[in-house]
Amino acid sequence: MASVLKIKLVKSMIGRPEKHRRVLRAMGLTKINKAVELGDTPATRGMIRKVSHLVNVEERVDETA
């Protein structure tokens, strides 16, 4: 079973460094309260670590995989 992370943007990108904005856009987060589901990979974990103060993360197990 593969692990999936549900990531939700809870704080605005306004006033944040461009690096943080690029990371959020790469994850597919463009508006507050938007949520995406991404696979639990080292790359995804690194992106979350960069912007952890702007997002909420829930971990769940994907039974379909």
C-alpha atoms as a PDB file:
ATOM      1  CA  MET A   1       0.000   0.000   0.000  1.00  0.00           C
ATOM      2  CA  ALA A   2       1.240   3.422  -0.938  1.00  0.00           C
ATOM      3  CA  SER A   3       1.118   6.353   1.416  1.00  0.00           C
ATOM      4  CA  VAL A   4      -0.534   9.582   0.276  1.00  0.00           C
ATOM      5  CA  LEU A   5      -0.200  13.056   1.768  1.00  0.00           C
ATOM      6  CA  LYS A   6      -3.118  15.483   1.737  1.00  0.00           C
ATOM      7  CA  ILE A   7      -1.649  18.984   1.715  1.00  0.00           C
ATOM      8  CA  LYS A   8      -3.788  22.081   2.292  1.00  0.00           C
ATOM      9  CA  LEU A   9      -2.671  25.707   1.935  1.00  0.00           C
ATOM     10  CA  VAL A  10      -3.804  27.563   5.082  1.00  0.00           C
ATOM     11  CA  LYS A  11      -1.819  30.804   4.899  1.00  0.00           C
ATOM     12  CA  SER A  12      -1.364  33.268   2.060  1.00  0.00           C
ATOM     13  CA  MET A  13       1.653  33.451  -0.248  1.00  0.00           C
ATOM     14  CA  ILE A  14       1.521  37.247  -0.143  1.00  0.00           C
ATOM     15  CA  GLY A  15       4.765  38.675   1.209  1.00  0.00           C
ATOM     16  CA  ARG A  16       6.565  35.333   1.086  1.00  0.00           C
ATOM     17  CA  PRO A  17       9.888  34.791  -0.689  1.00  0.00           C
ATOM     18  CA  GLU A  18       9.738  33.774  -4.354  1.00  0.00           C
ATOM     19  CA  LYS A  19      11.286  30.385  -3.495  1.00  0.00           C
ATOM     20  CA  HIS A  20       8.311  29.570  -1.256  1.00  0.00           C
ATOM     21  CA  ARG A  21       5.849  30.663  -3.946  1.00  0.00           C
ATOM     22  CA  ARG A  22       7.539  28.436  -6.534  1.00  0.00           C
ATOM     23  CA  VAL A  23       7.390  25.441  -4.204  1.00  0.00           C
ATOM     24  CA  LEU A  24       3.676  25.977  -3.525  1.00  0.00           C
ATOM     25  CA  ARG A  25       2.882  26.359  -7.235  1.00  0.00           C
ATOM     26  CA  ALA A  26       4.874  23.217  -8.025  1.00  0.00           C
ATOM     27  CA  MET A  27       2.720  21.313  -5.523  1.00  0.00           C
ATOM     28  CA  GLY A  28      -0.428  22.698  -7.186  1.00  0.00           C
ATOM     29  CA  LEU A  29      -1.415  25.028  -4.355  1.00  0.00           C
ATOM     30  CA  THR A  30      -2.554  28.384  -5.718  1.00  0.00           C
ATOM     31  CA  LYS A  31      -5.346  29.544  -3.390  1.00  0.00           C
ATOM     32  CA  ILE A  32      -5.975  29.424   0.350  1.00  0.00           C
ATOM     33  CA  ASN A  33      -7.880  26.303   1.485  1.00  0.00           C
ATOM     34  CA  LYS A  34      -7.025  24.426  -1.716  1.00  0.00           C
ATOM     35  CA  ALA A  35      -5.952  20.848  -1.013  1.00  0.00           C
ATOM     36  CA  VAL A  36      -3.971  18.402  -3.133  1.00  0.00           C
ATOM     37  CA  GLU A  37      -2.987  14.790  -2.656  1.00  0.00           C
ATOM     38  CA  LEU A  38       0.593  13.856  -3.473  1.00  0.00           C
ATOM     39  CA  GLY A  39       2.565  10.666  -3.082  1.00  0.00           C
ATOM     40  CA  ASP A  40       4.775  10.329  -0.044  1.00  0.00           C
ATOM     41  CA  THR A  41       8.227  10.696  -1.612  1.00  0.00           C
ATOM     42  CA  PRO A  42      11.441  12.309  -0.351  1.00  0.00           C
ATOM     43  CA  ALA A  43      10.952  15.131  -2.884  1.00  0.00           C
ATOM     44  CA  THR A  44       7.450  15.867  -1.615  1.00  0.00           C
ATOM     45  CA  ARG A  45       8.619  15.750   2.009  1.00  0.00           C
ATOM     46  CA  GLY A  46      11.370  18.252   1.182  1.00  0.00           C
ATOM     47  CA  MET A  47       8.895  20.625  -0.447  1.00  0.00           C
ATOM     48  CA  ILE A  48       6.621  20.388   2.585  1.00  0.00           C
ATOM     49  CA  ARG A  49       9.548  21.107   4.896  1.00  0.00           C
ATOM     50  CA  LYS A  50      10.280  24.341   2.976  1.00  0.00           C
ATOM     51  CA  VAL A  51       6.755  25.700   3.417  1.00  0.00           C
ATOM     52  CA  SER A  52       5.608  23.877   6.567  1.00  0.00           C
ATOM     53  CA  HIS A  53       4.533  27.165   8.143  1.00  0.00           C
ATOM     54  CA  LEU A  54       2.005  27.729   5.307  1.00  0.00           C
ATOM     55  CA  VAL A  55       0.410  24.292   4.949  1.00  0.00           C
ATOM     56  CA  ASN A  56      -1.371  21.552   6.906  1.00  0.00           C
ATOM     57  CA  VAL A  57      -0.485  17.951   6.090  1.00  0.00           C
ATOM     58  CA  GLU A  58      -2.480  14.780   6.704  1.00  0.00           C
ATOM     59  CA  GLU A  59      -1.012  11.360   6.052  1.00  0.00           C
ATOM     60  CA  ARG A  60      -3.219   8.520   4.913  1.00  0.00           C
ATOM     61  CA  VAL A  61      -2.793   5.086   3.405  1.00  0.00           C
ATOM     62  CA  ASP A  62      -4.102   4.669  -0.149  1.00  0.00           C
ATOM     63  CA  GLU A  63      -5.832   1.277  -0.397  1.00  0.00           C
ATOM     64  CA  THR A  64      -6.328   1.511  -4.193  1.00  0.00           C
ATOM     65  CA  ALA A  65      -2.630   1.133  -4.996  1.00  0.00           C
END
